[in-house]
Amino acid sequence: MVANAGHLPPYLNSQEVALAGGLPLGVLPDTRYEEVRLYLHPGDRILMLSDGVVEARRPSGELFGFDRVHNLSNQTAFYIADAAKDFGQQDDITVVTIRRLEQLMAA
């Protein structure tokens, strides 16, 4: 289950997941959030990131932006974070990727 509590929507297999907007977590007591259930099939990958990635800015003012995030959404979390930092980090950057294994690993 995922919900938007003031962050960017995740990407499932490089496609942005549509989530209803929500207030940042903890702003108002008893706030309710619309939840979306995601099922990860074998080989599926989910990407979650903070706004510091899309808001990375070059000295010229150009933003890293959503198009670059979409184009890099199949890369590793380290690759995306480094790309945003190299572009011009001004805020915290958090990137998490989760991939469901295609098969069980032997113990």
Protein backbone atom coordinates (compact mmCIF):
# COMPACT_ATOMS: atom_id res chain seq x y z
CA MET A 1 0.00 0.00 0.00
CA VAL A 2 1.23 3.50 -0.83
CA ALA A 3 -0.21 6.95 -0.21
CA ASN A 4 0.91 10.48 -1.01
CA ALA A 5 1.87 12.39 2.12
CA GLY A 6 3.45 15.38 0.45
CA HIS A 7 6.01 13.56 -1.70
CA LEU A 8 6.35 12.67 -5.34
CA PRO A 9 4.49 9.66 -6.69
CA PRO A 10 6.54 6.48 -7.17
CA TYR A 11 7.40 4.91 -10.51
CA LEU A 12 6.45 1.28 -11.16
CA ASN A 13 8.47 -0.16 -14.05
CA SER A 14 9.34 3.39 -15.21
CA GLN A 15 5.68 4.50 -15.22
CA GLU A 16 4.50 7.11 -12.71
CA VAL A 17 1.87 5.71 -10.34
CA ALA A 18 -1.21 7.95 -10.13
CA LEU A 19 -1.82 8.92 -6.51
CA ALA A 20 -4.20 11.46 -5.01
CA GLY A 21 -2.40 14.44 -3.51
CA GLY A 22 -2.03 14.66 0.24
CA LEU A 23 -0.77 16.98 2.95
CA PRO A 24 2.73 16.33 4.26
CA LEU A 25 2.72 13.75 7.02
CA GLY A 26 2.18 15.27 10.46
CA VAL A 27 0.89 18.69 9.35
CA LEU A 28 -2.61 18.17 10.71
CA PRO A 29 -3.72 15.58 13.25
CA ASP A 30 -6.09 12.83 12.09
CA THR A 31 -5.37 13.44 8.41
CA ARG A 32 -6.54 10.59 6.18
CA TYR A 33 -4.72 9.54 3.05
CA GLU A 34 -6.06 7.67 0.04
CA GLU A 35 -4.12 4.43 -0.27
CA VAL A 36 -3.28 2.58 -3.47
CA ARG A 37 -2.38 -1.11 -3.42
CA LEU A 38 0.54 -2.03 -5.63
CA TYR A 39 1.42 -5.60 -6.44
CA LEU A 40 4.94 -6.31 -7.58
CA HIS A 41 5.13 -9.20 -10.02
CA PRO A 42 8.42 -11.08 -10.41
CA GLY A 43 10.91 -8.71 -12.06
CA ASP A 44 8.89 -5.55 -11.25
CA ARG A 45 10.70 -2.51 -9.92
CA ILE A 46 9.45 0.44 -7.90
CA LEU A 47 11.30 3.76 -7.59
CA MET A 48 10.61 6.26 -4.80
CA LEU A 49 12.36 9.61 -4.53
CA SER A 50 12.28 12.93 -2.75
CA ASP A 51 11.63 16.29 -4.40
CA GLY A 52 15.31 17.14 -4.02
CA VAL A 53 15.96 15.05 -7.12
CA VAL A 54 13.59 16.86 -9.50
CA GLU A 55 14.48 20.22 -7.92
CA ALA A 56 18.25 19.86 -8.39
CA ARG A 57 19.27 23.02 -10.24
CA ARG A 58 22.17 24.10 -12.42
CA PRO A 59 23.69 27.53 -11.75
CA SER A 60 21.84 28.72 -14.88
CA GLY A 61 18.54 27.92 -13.13
CA GLU A 62 17.66 24.82 -15.17
CA LEU A 63 15.89 22.17 -13.08
CA PHE A 64 16.70 18.46 -13.23
CA GLY A 65 12.96 17.98 -13.71
CA PHE A 66 10.46 15.19 -14.16
CA ASP A 67 11.49 14.33 -17.73
CA ARG A 68 15.03 13.48 -16.61
CA VAL A 69 13.67 11.44 -13.70
CA HIS A 70 11.38 9.54 -16.07
CA ASN A 71 14.27 8.92 -18.50
CA LEU A 72 16.45 7.59 -15.66
CA SER A 73 13.71 5.72 -13.80
CA ASN A 74 15.10 2.31 -14.83
CA GLN A 75 18.54 3.10 -13.37
CA THR A 76 19.76 2.27 -9.86
CA ALA A 77 19.05 4.53 -6.89
CA PHE A 78 22.77 5.37 -6.69
CA TYR A 79 22.89 6.36 -10.36
CA ILE A 80 19.83 8.64 -10.08
CA ALA A 81 21.05 10.27 -6.85
CA ASP A 82 24.52 10.87 -8.32
CA ALA A 83 23.02 12.32 -11.51
CA ALA A 84 20.92 14.79 -9.48
CA LYS A 85 23.88 15.71 -7.24
CA ASP A 86 26.11 16.28 -10.28
CA PHE A 87 23.36 18.40 -11.86
CA GLY A 88 23.30 20.74 -8.86
CA GLN A 89 22.02 19.50 -5.51
CA GLN A 90 20.35 22.16 -3.36
CA ASP A 91 18.10 20.02 -1.15
CA ASP A 92 18.25 16.61 0.42
CA ILE A 93 18.13 13.76 -2.08
CA THR A 94 16.61 10.40 -1.27
CA VAL A 95 16.19 7.65 -3.85
CA VAL A 96 15.03 4.10 -3.13
CA THR A 97 14.54 1.31 -5.64
CA ILE A 98 12.99 -2.07 -4.89
CA ARG A 99 12.95 -4.97 -7.33
CA ARG A 100 11.02 -8.17 -6.80
CA LEU A 101 13.20 -11.15 -7.55
CA GLU A 102 12.23 -13.30 -10.48
CA GLN A 103 12.75 -16.49 -8.52
CA LEU A 104 13.47 -17.62 -5.01
CA MET A 105 17.11 -17.74 -4.04
CA ALA A 106 18.41 -20.95 -2.50
CA ALA A 107 19.17 -20.68 1.22
